Amino acid sequence: MNDPDFETYTEGSLRIAVIGEEPDVVEEHVKFEEITFDDLAEDEIDSYNAVFIMEDKLIEASSEQHAETYLNSEIPVFFTSAQSTIPFTEKDLEYSRESWGWEEGVSYISGLYRTEDKNLLTRIGFGLYNEEMSEETLQATFSLVFTKISELQ
């Protein structure tokens, strides 16, 4: 069986805020800048195209104090290695790898974004090709997310 040729993101430059370990991607025109959870509440966060919260920060990300920030964000927020945004937006739930972490058959990156008119919050998920965890499928998934971010601009 031949592996597909995954397309990388080739559109415009993106500036993405990242909480946690920066993802390793091939797109040189996608720039990551490390921020903290405190920075999420600042007005300057809107200067980014999106926020990525990486796997190593998901437990802290599920703290109920952050839920309103994600729900009211003007820019898309993505949670890597999380099958859903629910533990980050529901105040009575906490993220645990056993309950909400990635496993075959579910999204690898889950996100929230507002529609163009800013009235509707949309949840979106991106899975891994053939449910396979590899550098190639991770890169392909990040490229799909970058494409979505670009479409939302």
N, C-alpha and C. Protein backbone atom coordinates (compact mmCIF):
# COMPACT_ATOMS: atom_id res chain seq x y z
N MET A 1 0.84 -1.19 0.00
CA MET A 1 0.00 0.00 0.00
C MET A 1 0.89 1.25 0.00
N ASN A 2 0.57 2.18 -0.85
CA ASN A 2 1.34 3.41 -0.93
C ASN A 2 0.81 4.43 0.07
N ASP A 3 1.74 5.10 0.74
CA ASP A 3 1.34 6.18 1.63
C ASP A 3 0.99 7.40 0.79
N PRO A 4 -0.01 8.17 1.21
CA PRO A 4 -0.37 9.36 0.45
C PRO A 4 0.72 10.43 0.57
N ASP A 5 0.73 11.33 -0.39
CA ASP A 5 1.58 12.51 -0.30
C ASP A 5 0.80 13.58 0.44
N PHE A 6 1.19 13.85 1.65
CA PHE A 6 0.49 14.86 2.44
C PHE A 6 0.91 16.25 1.98
N GLU A 7 -0.05 17.14 1.90
CA GLU A 7 0.24 18.51 1.51
C GLU A 7 0.58 19.34 2.73
N THR A 8 1.62 20.15 2.61
CA THR A 8 1.95 21.07 3.69
C THR A 8 1.22 22.38 3.44
N TYR A 9 1.10 23.16 4.49
CA TYR A 9 0.45 24.46 4.41
C TYR A 9 1.35 25.42 3.62
N THR A 10 0.81 26.01 2.56
CA THR A 10 1.61 26.88 1.70
C THR A 10 1.05 28.29 1.59
N GLU A 11 0.01 28.59 2.32
CA GLU A 11 -0.61 29.93 2.24
C GLU A 11 0.26 30.95 2.98
N GLY A 12 -0.35 32.02 3.41
CA GLY A 12 0.37 33.13 4.03
C GLY A 12 0.99 32.80 5.38
N SER A 13 1.76 33.73 5.88
CA SER A 13 2.43 33.59 7.17
C SER A 13 1.40 33.55 8.30
N LEU A 14 1.71 32.77 9.32
CA LEU A 14 0.87 32.70 10.51
C LEU A 14 1.73 32.96 11.73
N ARG A 15 1.16 33.64 12.69
CA ARG A 15 1.80 33.89 13.98
C ARG A 15 0.91 33.26 15.04
N ILE A 16 1.44 32.22 15.67
CA ILE A 16 0.63 31.42 16.59
C ILE A 16 1.23 31.48 18.00
N ALA A 17 0.39 31.80 18.97
CA ALA A 17 0.80 31.75 20.37
C ALA A 17 0.76 30.29 20.80
N VAL A 18 1.74 29.88 21.60
CA VAL A 18 1.79 28.49 22.04
C VAL A 18 2.06 28.45 23.54
N ILE A 19 1.26 27.63 24.22
CA ILE A 19 1.47 27.38 25.64
C ILE A 19 1.95 25.93 25.73
N GLY A 20 3.17 25.77 26.20
CA GLY A 20 3.76 24.44 26.25
C GLY A 20 4.86 24.30 25.23
N GLU A 21 5.22 23.05 24.97
CA GLU A 21 6.32 22.77 24.05
C GLU A 21 5.91 23.03 22.60
N GLU A 22 6.66 23.87 21.94
CA GLU A 22 6.38 24.26 20.55
C GLU A 22 6.40 23.03 19.64
N PRO A 23 5.38 22.90 18.77
CA PRO A 23 5.39 21.75 17.86
C PRO A 23 6.49 21.87 16.81
N ASP A 24 6.97 20.76 16.36
CA ASP A 24 7.99 20.71 15.33
C ASP A 24 7.29 20.56 13.99
N VAL A 25 7.28 21.63 13.20
CA VAL A 25 6.60 21.62 11.91
C VAL A 25 7.58 22.04 10.82
N VAL A 26 7.26 21.69 9.58
CA VAL A 26 8.15 22.01 8.46
C VAL A 26 7.88 23.40 7.87
N GLU A 27 6.72 23.94 8.12
CA GLU A 27 6.36 25.24 7.55
C GLU A 27 7.18 26.35 8.21
N GLU A 28 8.08 26.94 7.45
CA GLU A 28 8.92 28.00 7.97
C GLU A 28 8.18 29.32 8.10
N HIS A 29 7.07 29.47 7.43
CA HIS A 29 6.30 30.72 7.49
C HIS A 29 5.22 30.68 8.58
N VAL A 30 5.24 29.64 9.40
CA VAL A 30 4.39 29.57 10.58
C VAL A 30 5.31 29.77 11.78
N LYS A 31 5.10 30.88 12.48
CA LYS A 31 5.95 31.24 13.62
C LYS A 31 5.18 31.05 14.92
N PHE A 32 5.84 30.40 15.87
CA PHE A 32 5.26 30.19 17.20
C PHE A 32 5.94 31.11 18.19
N GLU A 33 5.14 31.66 19.11
CA GLU A 33 5.66 32.49 20.18
C GLU A 33 5.08 31.97 21.49
N GLU A 34 5.97 31.64 22.41
CA GLU A 34 5.53 31.09 23.68
C GLU A 34 4.86 32.15 24.53
N ILE A 35 3.72 31.78 25.12
CA ILE A 35 3.00 32.67 26.02
C ILE A 35 2.62 31.86 27.27
N THR A 36 2.03 32.53 28.23
CA THR A 36 1.55 31.88 29.45
C THR A 36 0.02 31.93 29.49
N PHE A 37 -0.55 31.22 30.43
CA PHE A 37 -2.00 31.28 30.59
C PHE A 37 -2.44 32.69 30.97
N ASP A 38 -1.64 33.39 31.74
CA ASP A 38 -1.98 34.78 32.08
C ASP A 38 -2.05 35.67 30.84
N ASP A 39 -1.19 35.39 29.87
CA ASP A 39 -1.18 36.18 28.63
C ASP A 39 -2.48 36.02 27.83
N LEU A 40 -3.17 34.88 28.00
CA LEU A 40 -4.41 34.65 27.25
C LEU A 40 -5.47 35.71 27.50
N ALA A 41 -5.48 36.24 28.69
CA ALA A 41 -6.51 37.23 29.06
C ALA A 41 -6.15 38.64 28.61
N GLU A 42 -4.96 38.83 28.08
CA GLU A 42 -4.52 40.16 27.67
C GLU A 42 -5.08 40.53 26.30
N ASP A 43 -5.25 41.82 26.08
CA ASP A 43 -5.77 42.32 24.80
C ASP A 43 -4.85 41.99 23.63
N GLU A 44 -3.56 41.91 23.88
CA GLU A 44 -2.59 41.67 22.82
C GLU A 44 -2.73 40.28 22.20
N ILE A 45 -3.45 39.39 22.84
CA ILE A 45 -3.60 38.02 22.32
C ILE A 45 -4.25 38.06 20.93
N ASP A 46 -5.05 39.07 20.67
CA ASP A 46 -5.72 39.18 19.37
C ASP A 46 -4.75 39.46 18.23
N SER A 47 -3.50 39.78 18.55
CA SER A 47 -2.52 40.02 17.50
C SER A 47 -2.01 38.70 16.89
N TYR A 48 -2.34 37.57 17.51
CA TYR A 48 -1.97 36.25 16.97
C TYR A 48 -3.09 35.73 16.07
N ASN A 49 -2.75 34.78 15.22
CA ASN A 49 -3.76 34.14 14.37
C ASN A 49 -4.49 33.03 15.11
N ALA A 50 -3.85 32.44 16.13
CA ALA A 50 -4.46 31.35 16.89
C ALA A 50 -3.62 31.09 18.13
N VAL A 51 -4.15 30.25 19.01
CA VAL A 51 -3.43 29.78 20.20
C VAL A 51 -3.41 28.26 20.16
N PHE A 52 -2.24 27.68 20.40
CA PHE A 52 -2.11 26.24 20.56
C PHE A 52 -1.76 25.96 22.01
N ILE A 53 -2.50 25.07 22.63
CA ILE A 53 -2.16 24.60 23.97
C ILE A 53 -1.72 23.16 23.80
N MET A 54 -0.47 22.93 24.15
CA MET A 54 0.16 21.65 23.87
C MET A 54 -0.12 20.62 24.97
N GLU A 55 0.12 19.37 24.65
CA GLU A 55 -0.20 18.25 25.53
C GLU A 55 0.37 18.42 26.93
N ASP A 56 1.58 18.94 27.05
CA ASP A 56 2.21 19.06 28.36
C ASP A 56 1.54 20.11 29.26
N LYS A 57 0.59 20.88 28.74
CA LYS A 57 -0.10 21.91 29.52
C LYS A 57 -1.61 21.68 29.62
N LEU A 58 -2.10 20.54 29.17
CA LEU A 58 -3.55 20.31 29.13
C LEU A 58 -4.19 20.22 30.51
N ILE A 59 -3.51 19.65 31.48
CA ILE A 59 -4.09 19.57 32.82
C ILE A 59 -4.31 20.97 33.37
N GLU A 60 -3.30 21.81 33.26
CA GLU A 60 -3.43 23.20 33.71
C GLU A 60 -4.48 23.95 32.88
N ALA A 61 -4.55 23.63 31.59
CA ALA A 61 -5.52 24.29 30.70
C ALA A 61 -6.96 24.01 31.10
N SER A 62 -7.20 22.88 31.77
CA SER A 62 -8.57 22.53 32.13
C SER A 62 -9.03 23.16 33.43
N SER A 63 -8.18 23.95 34.06
CA SER A 63 -8.57 24.67 35.26
C SER A 63 -9.77 25.55 34.94
N GLU A 64 -10.79 25.51 35.78
CA GLU A 64 -12.04 26.23 35.46
C GLU A 64 -11.85 27.73 35.29
N GLN A 65 -10.78 28.28 35.83
CA GLN A 65 -10.54 29.73 35.67
C GLN A 65 -10.29 30.12 34.22
N HIS A 66 -9.92 29.17 33.36
CA HIS A 66 -9.62 29.48 31.97
C HIS A 66 -10.80 29.29 31.01
N ALA A 67 -11.85 28.63 31.45
CA ALA A 67 -12.96 28.27 30.57
C ALA A 67 -13.56 29.48 29.84
N GLU A 68 -13.85 30.52 30.56
CA GLU A 68 -14.45 31.71 29.94
C GLU A 68 -13.51 32.35 28.92
N THR A 69 -12.22 32.29 29.20
CA THR A 69 -11.24 32.85 28.26
C THR A 69 -11.33 32.14 26.92
N TYR A 70 -11.38 30.80 26.94
CA TYR A 70 -11.47 30.05 25.69
C TYR A 70 -12.80 30.32 24.99
N LEU A 71 -13.87 30.32 25.76
CA LEU A 71 -15.20 30.51 25.17
C LEU A 71 -15.39 31.89 24.57
N ASN A 72 -14.68 32.88 25.09
CA ASN A 72 -14.84 34.26 24.61
C ASN A 72 -13.71 34.72 23.71
N SER A 73 -12.79 33.84 23.38
CA SER A 73 -11.64 34.22 22.58
C SER A 73 -12.05 34.68 21.18
N GLU A 74 -11.43 35.75 20.73
CA GLU A 74 -11.67 36.27 19.39
C GLU A 74 -10.86 35.50 18.34
N ILE A 75 -9.87 34.74 18.79
CA ILE A 75 -9.04 33.96 17.88
C ILE A 75 -9.21 32.47 18.20
N PRO A 76 -8.97 31.59 17.24
CA PRO A 76 -9.13 30.15 17.49
C PRO A 76 -8.16 29.65 18.55
N VAL A 77 -8.64 28.68 19.34
CA VAL A 77 -7.83 28.03 20.37
C VAL A 77 -7.85 26.54 20.07
N PHE A 78 -6.65 25.93 20.02
CA PHE A 78 -6.52 24.50 19.71
C PHE A 78 -5.80 23.78 20.83
N PHE A 79 -6.30 22.59 21.16
CA PHE A 79 -5.75 21.74 22.20
C PHE A 79 -5.18 20.49 21.54
N THR A 80 -3.87 20.27 21.66
CA THR A 80 -3.25 19.13 20.99
C THR A 80 -3.29 17.90 21.88
N SER A 81 -3.49 16.77 21.24
CA SER A 81 -3.59 15.48 21.91
C SER A 81 -4.79 15.44 22.86
N ALA A 82 -5.85 16.14 22.48
CA ALA A 82 -7.09 16.17 23.26
C ALA A 82 -8.25 15.88 22.32
N GLN A 83 -9.01 14.87 22.63
CA GLN A 83 -10.08 14.46 21.73
C GLN A 83 -11.28 15.38 21.72
N SER A 84 -11.35 16.31 22.66
CA SER A 84 -12.50 17.21 22.74
C SER A 84 -12.10 18.49 23.46
N THR A 85 -12.89 19.52 23.23
CA THR A 85 -12.69 20.78 23.97
C THR A 85 -13.50 20.80 25.27
N ILE A 86 -14.33 19.80 25.49
CA ILE A 86 -15.23 19.78 26.65
C ILE A 86 -14.53 19.98 27.99
N PRO A 87 -13.43 19.27 28.30
CA PRO A 87 -12.85 19.48 29.63
C PRO A 87 -12.22 20.87 29.82
N PHE A 88 -12.13 21.64 28.76
CA PHE A 88 -11.54 22.97 28.85
C PHE A 88 -12.61 24.06 28.90
N THR A 89 -13.83 23.72 28.54
CA THR A 89 -14.90 24.72 28.49
C THR A 89 -16.01 24.46 29.51
N GLU A 90 -16.04 23.29 30.09
CA GLU A 90 -17.03 22.96 31.12
C GLU A 90 -16.35 23.08 32.49
N LYS A 91 -16.89 23.91 33.34
CA LYS A 91 -16.23 24.21 34.61
C LYS A 91 -16.16 23.04 35.58
N ASP A 92 -17.06 22.08 35.47
CA ASP A 92 -17.07 20.96 36.43
C ASP A 92 -16.25 19.76 35.96
N LEU A 93 -15.58 19.87 34.84
CA LEU A 93 -14.77 18.77 34.32
C LEU A 93 -13.30 19.14 34.30
N GLU A 94 -12.45 18.14 34.48
CA GLU A 94 -11.02 18.35 34.35
C GLU A 94 -10.48 17.38 33.32
N TYR A 95 -9.44 17.81 32.64
CA TYR A 95 -8.78 16.96 31.67
C TYR A 95 -8.01 15.86 32.39
N SER A 96 -8.14 14.65 31.88
CA SER A 96 -7.25 13.55 32.28
C SER A 96 -6.93 12.79 31.01
N ARG A 97 -5.73 12.32 30.92
CA ARG A 97 -5.29 11.60 29.73
C ARG A 97 -6.15 10.36 29.49
N GLU A 98 -6.56 9.71 30.55
CA GLU A 98 -7.37 8.49 30.43
C GLU A 98 -8.75 8.77 29.84
N SER A 99 -9.34 9.89 30.20
CA SER A 99 -10.69 10.21 29.73
C SER A 99 -10.74 11.05 28.46
N TRP A 100 -9.81 11.96 28.31
CA TRP A 100 -9.90 12.95 27.25
C TRP A 100 -8.71 12.98 26.31
N GLY A 101 -7.69 12.19 26.57
CA GLY A 101 -6.50 12.19 25.72
C GLY A 101 -6.75 11.49 24.40
N TRP A 102 -5.80 11.66 23.48
CA TRP A 102 -5.96 11.06 22.16
C TRP A 102 -5.90 9.55 22.23
N GLU A 103 -6.75 8.94 21.44
CA GLU A 103 -6.73 7.50 21.21
C GLU A 103 -7.26 7.28 19.81
N GLU A 104 -7.04 6.12 19.27
CA GLU A 104 -7.51 5.85 17.91
C GLU A 104 -9.01 6.08 17.81
N GLY A 105 -9.41 6.67 16.70
CA GLY A 105 -10.83 6.90 16.44
C GLY A 105 -11.37 8.24 16.88
N VAL A 106 -10.53 9.07 17.49
CA VAL A 106 -11.00 10.39 17.93
C VAL A 106 -10.04 11.47 17.41
N SER A 107 -10.43 12.71 17.58
CA SER A 107 -9.60 13.83 17.14
C SER A 107 -8.28 13.85 17.89
N TYR A 108 -7.24 14.31 17.20
CA TYR A 108 -5.94 14.51 17.84
C TYR A 108 -5.79 15.98 18.27
N ILE A 109 -6.31 16.89 17.47
CA ILE A 109 -6.31 18.31 17.82
C ILE A 109 -7.76 18.78 17.81
N SER A 110 -8.20 19.34 18.95
CA SER A 110 -9.56 19.87 19.06
C SER A 110 -9.47 21.38 19.22
N GLY A 111 -10.42 22.07 18.62
CA GLY A 111 -10.36 23.52 18.68
C GLY A 111 -11.70 24.19 18.78
N LEU A 112 -11.63 25.47 19.10
CA LEU A 112 -12.79 26.36 19.19
C LEU A 112 -12.51 27.61 18.37
N TYR A 113 -13.50 28.06 17.66
CA TYR A 113 -13.36 29.35 16.98
C TYR A 113 -14.74 29.97 16.80
N ARG A 114 -14.74 31.28 16.65
CA ARG A 114 -15.98 32.01 16.42
C ARG A 114 -16.22 32.16 14.94
N THR A 115 -17.49 32.10 14.54
CA THR A 115 -17.83 32.30 13.14
C THR A 115 -17.54 33.75 12.76
N GLU A 116 -17.58 34.02 11.48
CA GLU A 116 -17.23 35.35 10.97
C GLU A 116 -18.02 36.46 11.65
N ASP A 117 -19.29 36.22 11.94
CA ASP A 117 -20.10 37.26 12.58
C ASP A 117 -19.89 37.29 14.10
N LYS A 118 -19.02 36.40 14.62
CA LYS A 118 -18.63 36.34 16.04
C LYS A 118 -19.76 35.91 16.97
N ASN A 119 -20.90 35.51 16.43
CA ASN A 119 -22.02 35.12 17.28
C ASN A 119 -22.06 33.63 17.63
N LEU A 120 -21.43 32.81 16.84
CA LEU A 120 -21.53 31.37 17.04
C LEU A 120 -20.16 30.77 17.33
N LEU A 121 -20.08 30.03 18.42
CA LEU A 121 -18.85 29.33 18.76
C LEU A 121 -18.89 27.95 18.09
N THR A 122 -17.84 27.62 17.38
CA THR A 122 -17.78 26.35 16.65
C THR A 122 -16.66 25.50 17.21
N ARG A 123 -16.95 24.21 17.36
CA ARG A 123 -15.94 23.25 17.80
C ARG A 123 -15.52 22.44 16.59
N ILE A 124 -14.24 22.12 16.51
CA ILE A 124 -13.71 21.40 15.36
C ILE A 124 -12.66 20.41 15.85
N GLY A 125 -12.53 19.30 15.14
CA GLY A 125 -11.52 18.31 15.50
C GLY A 125 -10.77 17.84 14.27
N PHE A 126 -9.50 17.53 14.46
CA PHE A 126 -8.63 17.04 13.40
C PHE A 126 -8.01 15.73 13.85
N GLY A 127 -8.24 14.67 13.09
CA GLY A 127 -7.68 13.37 13.42
C GLY A 127 -6.36 13.12 12.71
N LEU A 128 -5.76 12.00 13.05
CA LEU A 128 -4.52 11.57 12.39
C LEU A 128 -4.88 10.62 11.26
N TYR A 129 -4.18 10.71 10.15
CA TYR A 129 -4.42 9.85 9.00
C TYR A 129 -4.28 8.39 9.42
N ASN A 130 -5.30 7.59 9.11
CA ASN A 130 -5.35 6.16 9.44
C ASN A 130 -5.12 5.89 10.92
N GLU A 131 -5.39 6.89 11.77
CA GLU A 131 -5.22 6.76 13.23
C GLU A 131 -3.79 6.40 13.61
N GLU A 132 -2.85 6.73 12.75
CA GLU A 132 -1.44 6.38 12.96
C GLU A 132 -0.67 7.56 13.53
N MET A 133 0.01 7.33 14.64
CA MET A 133 0.84 8.36 15.26
C MET A 133 2.25 8.24 14.69
N SER A 134 2.61 9.17 13.80
CA SER A 134 3.95 9.20 13.22
C SER A 134 4.29 10.66 12.93
N GLU A 135 5.56 10.93 12.69
CA GLU A 135 5.95 12.30 12.36
C GLU A 135 5.19 12.80 11.13
N GLU A 136 5.03 11.93 10.15
CA GLU A 136 4.36 12.31 8.91
C GLU A 136 2.88 12.65 9.13
N THR A 137 2.19 11.82 9.91
CA THR A 137 0.77 12.09 10.14
C THR A 137 0.56 13.28 11.07
N LEU A 138 1.47 13.47 12.03
CA LEU A 138 1.39 14.66 12.89
C LEU A 138 1.57 15.92 12.06
N GLN A 139 2.57 15.92 11.19
CA GLN A 139 2.83 17.07 10.33
C GLN A 139 1.61 17.36 9.45
N ALA A 140 1.03 16.32 8.88
CA ALA A 140 -0.14 16.49 8.01
C ALA A 140 -1.31 17.10 8.79
N THR A 141 -1.49 16.67 10.03
CA THR A 141 -2.58 17.20 10.84
C THR A 141 -2.34 18.67 11.18
N PHE A 142 -1.12 19.02 11.57
CA PHE A 142 -0.82 20.42 11.83
C PHE A 142 -1.03 21.26 10.57
N SER A 143 -0.66 20.76 9.42
CA SER A 143 -0.86 21.49 8.17
C SER A 143 -2.35 21.75 7.91
N LEU A 144 -3.20 20.77 8.22
CA LEU A 144 -4.65 20.96 8.09
C LEU A 144 -5.15 22.06 9.03
N VAL A 145 -4.62 22.07 10.25
CA VAL A 145 -5.02 23.11 11.21
C VAL A 145 -4.57 24.48 10.70
N PHE A 146 -3.35 24.57 10.20
CA PHE A 146 -2.87 25.86 9.66
C PHE A 146 -3.76 26.34 8.53
N THR A 147 -4.18 25.42 7.66
CA THR A 147 -5.07 25.78 6.56
C THR A 147 -6.38 26.33 7.09
N LYS A 148 -6.93 25.68 8.13
CA LYS A 148 -8.19 26.15 8.73
C LYS A 148 -8.00 27.54 9.34
N ILE A 149 -6.91 27.74 10.04
CA ILE A 149 -6.64 29.06 10.63
C ILE A 149 -6.61 30.13 9.54
N SER A 150 -5.93 29.82 8.44
CA SER A 150 -5.84 30.76 7.33
C SER A 150 -7.22 31.08 6.75
N GLU A 151 -8.06 30.07 6.64
CA GLU A 151 -9.43 30.27 6.12
C GLU A 151 -10.25 31.16 7.03
N LEU A 152 -9.96 31.16 8.31
CA LEU A 152 -10.73 31.93 9.28
C LEU A 152 -10.32 33.40 9.33
N GLN A 153 -9.22 33.74 8.68
CA GLN A 153 -8.72 35.13 8.71
C GLN A 153 -9.61 36.06 7.93
